Structure formats: C-alpha cells, structure tokens
Amino acid sequence: MLQFLVRLIHKAIKVVPLSVGNKLVVLLTHLPTLDPLPQLNMSPDEAVAFVGEGWSKIVLTAYSLLENDHNILQVKEKFGGLRFYVHGTDRRTLVFIYELEKLSLTVCETCGKPGLPRPNGWTKTLCDVHWRERENRRLANIEKRRQE
C-alpha cells in the first residue's frame, strides 16, 4: 500500500524518495503551481434565481447599495436565512451584509411577508400561511407512506 501511495504521489508531483534508517522520507523538489481562480461574480438575476421570490427585494437591495469594488460571489439560503459571500469587503460592508442576513430571518422567503424560521428537517423562513401549506404537505406525505 505504501509503495502504491509513493508512486501516486510521484506521478502527481516531482519527488525524490530517500531512505533514512527504516523510514521512507519523500523530499519534495517541485510542487505544481495552481493558477488563481477567476473572479466569478454572481449577477443580480442569478442571485434572485437561487433564493425564494420573497427574498428578491433583499438581494436586489444588496446589489444596489454595494459599491463596485465589492463583488458578490454567491447568494444562497442556509439554515433558513440568506447568506452573501462577498469579495473586497471592509467592516462597514460586513455589517451591512450581516444586517441583510438578519433581516432575511424575519421575511417569508416565498412571499415576502413577515415570517419566522421554521425548523422541520430543512429550516425555512416562512409566514404562517406558507408554513401551514408546508406542514400540510409534510403530513400528507407521512400519511401516504403509512398507507403503502
């Protein structure tokens, strides 16, 4: 197994195997260089498509108020709230993003009305109407599985 790993490492990077006593030591002579990843900025339309329609105003607010030197790399839902991944941030921007993320925990991600995080497997922030709809679907699925 060790010889297999040594051969695998040797193919991946240039190494010089050395024996020191009863131990095999690998001297790295060259590490491959990785090109930096291109800056992938998420457009406002892409960001809105990744979250519920009720949060679209919050997302568009982030895009309209952030200056050009702050690139939004990704927007997604996580633990029932919005998450913004931003490049080129300063303290003021981080506070602004944090406030928008907190705000998303009070807005229904489906319709934009006031809502609450509703844990039930996957946490979603929903108003009472959409939470009841979700619960009714969940209970119907449980009942359907019982009958099968």
Protein backbone atom coordinates (compact mmCIF):
# COMPACT_ATOMS: atom_id res chain seq x y z
CA MET A 1 0.00 0.00 0.00
CA LEU A 2 2.80 2.42 0.88
CA GLN A 3 4.54 1.78 -2.44
CA PHE A 4 1.29 2.47 -4.27
CA LEU A 5 0.92 5.80 -2.46
CA VAL A 6 4.53 6.74 -3.20
CA ARG A 7 4.01 6.00 -6.91
CA LEU A 8 0.77 8.00 -6.88
CA ILE A 9 2.44 10.98 -5.22
CA HIS A 10 5.41 10.68 -7.59
CA LYS A 11 3.06 10.97 -10.59
CA ALA A 12 1.28 13.98 -9.10
CA ILE A 13 4.38 15.97 -8.10
CA LYS A 14 8.09 15.60 -8.64
CA VAL A 15 9.58 13.85 -5.62
CA VAL A 16 12.87 12.27 -4.63
CA PRO A 17 12.36 9.24 -2.32
CA LEU A 18 15.09 8.86 0.32
CA SER A 19 15.59 6.11 2.86
CA VAL A 20 16.56 7.26 6.34
CA GLY A 21 17.02 4.27 8.61
CA ASN A 22 13.88 2.18 8.27
CA LYS A 23 11.69 5.13 7.25
CA LEU A 24 10.92 6.37 3.78
CA VAL A 25 11.24 10.14 3.50
CA VAL A 26 9.92 11.99 0.48
CA LEU A 27 11.74 15.15 -0.49
CA LEU A 28 9.53 17.46 -2.49
CA THR A 29 11.52 19.04 -5.26
CA HIS A 30 8.69 20.69 -7.12
CA LEU A 31 5.12 21.48 -6.17
CA PRO A 32 2.71 22.10 -9.01
CA THR A 33 1.54 25.69 -9.19
CA LEU A 34 -2.16 26.37 -9.22
CA ASP A 35 -3.47 29.22 -11.28
CA PRO A 36 -5.67 31.54 -9.24
CA LEU A 37 -9.35 31.03 -9.88
CA PRO A 38 -11.04 33.68 -11.96
CA GLN A 39 -13.30 36.02 -10.03
CA LEU A 40 -16.79 34.64 -10.55
CA ASN A 41 -19.34 37.28 -9.72
CA MET A 42 -22.98 36.34 -9.44
CA SER A 43 -25.30 38.66 -11.34
CA PRO A 44 -28.43 40.02 -9.60
CA ASP A 45 -30.66 37.84 -11.81
CA GLU A 46 -28.66 34.73 -10.95
CA ALA A 47 -28.77 35.57 -7.24
CA VAL A 48 -32.55 36.08 -7.25
CA ALA A 49 -32.99 32.74 -9.06
CA PHE A 50 -31.14 30.93 -6.22
CA VAL A 51 -33.43 32.18 -3.44
CA GLY A 52 -37.16 32.39 -2.85
CA GLU A 53 -39.15 35.14 -4.54
CA GLY A 54 -39.94 36.72 -1.18
CA TRP A 55 -36.26 37.48 -0.63
CA SER A 56 -35.68 39.06 -4.03
CA LYS A 57 -36.03 42.62 -2.65
CA ILE A 58 -33.36 41.95 -0.01
CA VAL A 59 -30.99 40.54 -2.63
CA LEU A 60 -31.58 43.41 -5.05
CA THR A 61 -31.02 45.89 -2.19
CA ALA A 62 -27.62 44.33 -1.55
CA TYR A 63 -26.67 44.71 -5.21
CA SER A 64 -27.90 48.28 -5.46
CA LEU A 65 -26.19 49.55 -2.29
CA LEU A 66 -22.83 47.81 -2.53
CA GLU A 67 -20.14 49.76 -4.31
CA ASN A 68 -18.47 48.40 -7.43
CA ASP A 69 -15.34 47.26 -5.58
CA HIS A 70 -17.40 44.78 -3.52
CA ASN A 71 -18.12 41.73 -5.68
CA ILE A 72 -20.94 39.41 -4.64
CA LEU A 73 -19.59 35.95 -5.38
CA GLN A 74 -22.56 33.92 -4.20
CA VAL A 75 -26.00 34.28 -2.63
CA LYS A 76 -27.82 31.29 -1.18
CA GLU A 77 -30.17 30.08 1.53
CA LYS A 78 -28.55 28.46 4.55
CA PHE A 79 -30.16 27.49 7.87
CA GLY A 80 -33.32 29.38 6.97
CA GLY A 81 -31.61 32.67 6.11
CA LEU A 82 -29.78 34.39 3.29
CA ARG A 83 -26.01 34.08 3.01
CA PHE A 84 -23.94 36.53 0.96
CA TYR A 85 -20.37 35.69 0.01
CA VAL A 86 -18.64 38.94 -0.88
CA HIS A 87 -15.12 39.77 -2.08
CA GLY A 88 -13.41 43.09 -1.31
CA THR A 89 -15.15 43.74 1.98
CA ASP A 90 -14.47 46.28 4.67
CA ARG A 91 -16.02 46.48 8.14
CA ARG A 92 -18.90 48.70 7.03
CA THR A 93 -19.81 46.29 4.23
CA LEU A 94 -19.65 43.28 6.54
CA VAL A 95 -22.03 44.98 8.98
CA PHE A 96 -24.38 45.83 6.10
CA ILE A 97 -24.34 42.24 4.81
CA TYR A 98 -24.87 40.90 8.34
CA GLU A 99 -27.93 43.13 8.78
CA LEU A 100 -29.41 41.91 5.48
CA GLU A 101 -28.83 38.31 6.54
CA LYS A 102 -30.58 39.00 9.88
CA LEU A 103 -33.44 40.71 8.03
CA SER A 104 -33.96 37.59 5.89
CA LEU A 105 -34.78 35.64 9.07
CA THR A 106 -37.88 37.83 9.51
CA VAL A 107 -39.18 37.74 5.91
CA CYS A 108 -41.05 34.83 4.29
CA GLU A 109 -38.80 33.53 1.53
CA THR A 110 -41.85 32.58 -0.55
CA CYS A 111 -43.97 35.76 -0.50
CA GLY A 112 -42.01 38.49 1.33
CA LYS A 113 -44.47 38.91 4.21
CA PRO A 114 -43.28 38.75 7.85
CA GLY A 115 -42.09 35.26 8.71
CA LEU A 116 -40.13 33.13 11.15
CA PRO A 117 -37.52 30.39 10.78
CA ARG A 118 -39.49 27.13 10.86
CA PRO A 119 -37.33 24.10 11.59
CA ASN A 120 -38.74 20.82 10.43
CA GLY A 121 -35.98 18.92 8.77
CA TRP A 122 -34.86 21.73 6.47
CA THR A 123 -35.21 25.14 8.17
CA LYS A 124 -37.10 27.64 6.06
CA THR A 125 -38.25 31.16 6.94
CA LEU A 126 -41.97 31.26 6.22
CA CYS A 127 -45.09 33.24 7.06
CA ASP A 128 -47.95 31.44 8.80
CA VAL A 129 -49.79 30.70 5.52
CA HIS A 130 -46.81 29.13 3.75
CA TRP A 131 -45.75 27.27 6.89
CA ARG A 132 -49.24 25.70 7.15
CA GLU A 133 -49.07 24.72 3.46
CA ARG A 134 -45.68 23.11 4.04
CA GLU A 135 -46.88 21.28 7.14
CA ASN A 136 -49.99 20.01 5.35
CA ARG A 137 -47.83 18.62 2.51
CA ARG A 138 -45.47 17.02 5.03
CA LEU A 139 -48.31 15.40 7.00
CA ALA A 140 -49.95 14.19 3.77
CA ASN A 141 -46.67 12.57 2.71
CA ILE A 142 -46.33 10.85 6.09
CA GLU A 143 -49.89 9.53 5.85
CA LYS A 144 -49.30 8.35 2.27
CA ARG A 145 -46.17 6.42 3.36
CA ARG A 146 -48.08 4.79 6.22
CA GLN A 147 -50.73 3.54 3.82
CA GLU A 148 -48.20 1.99 1.42
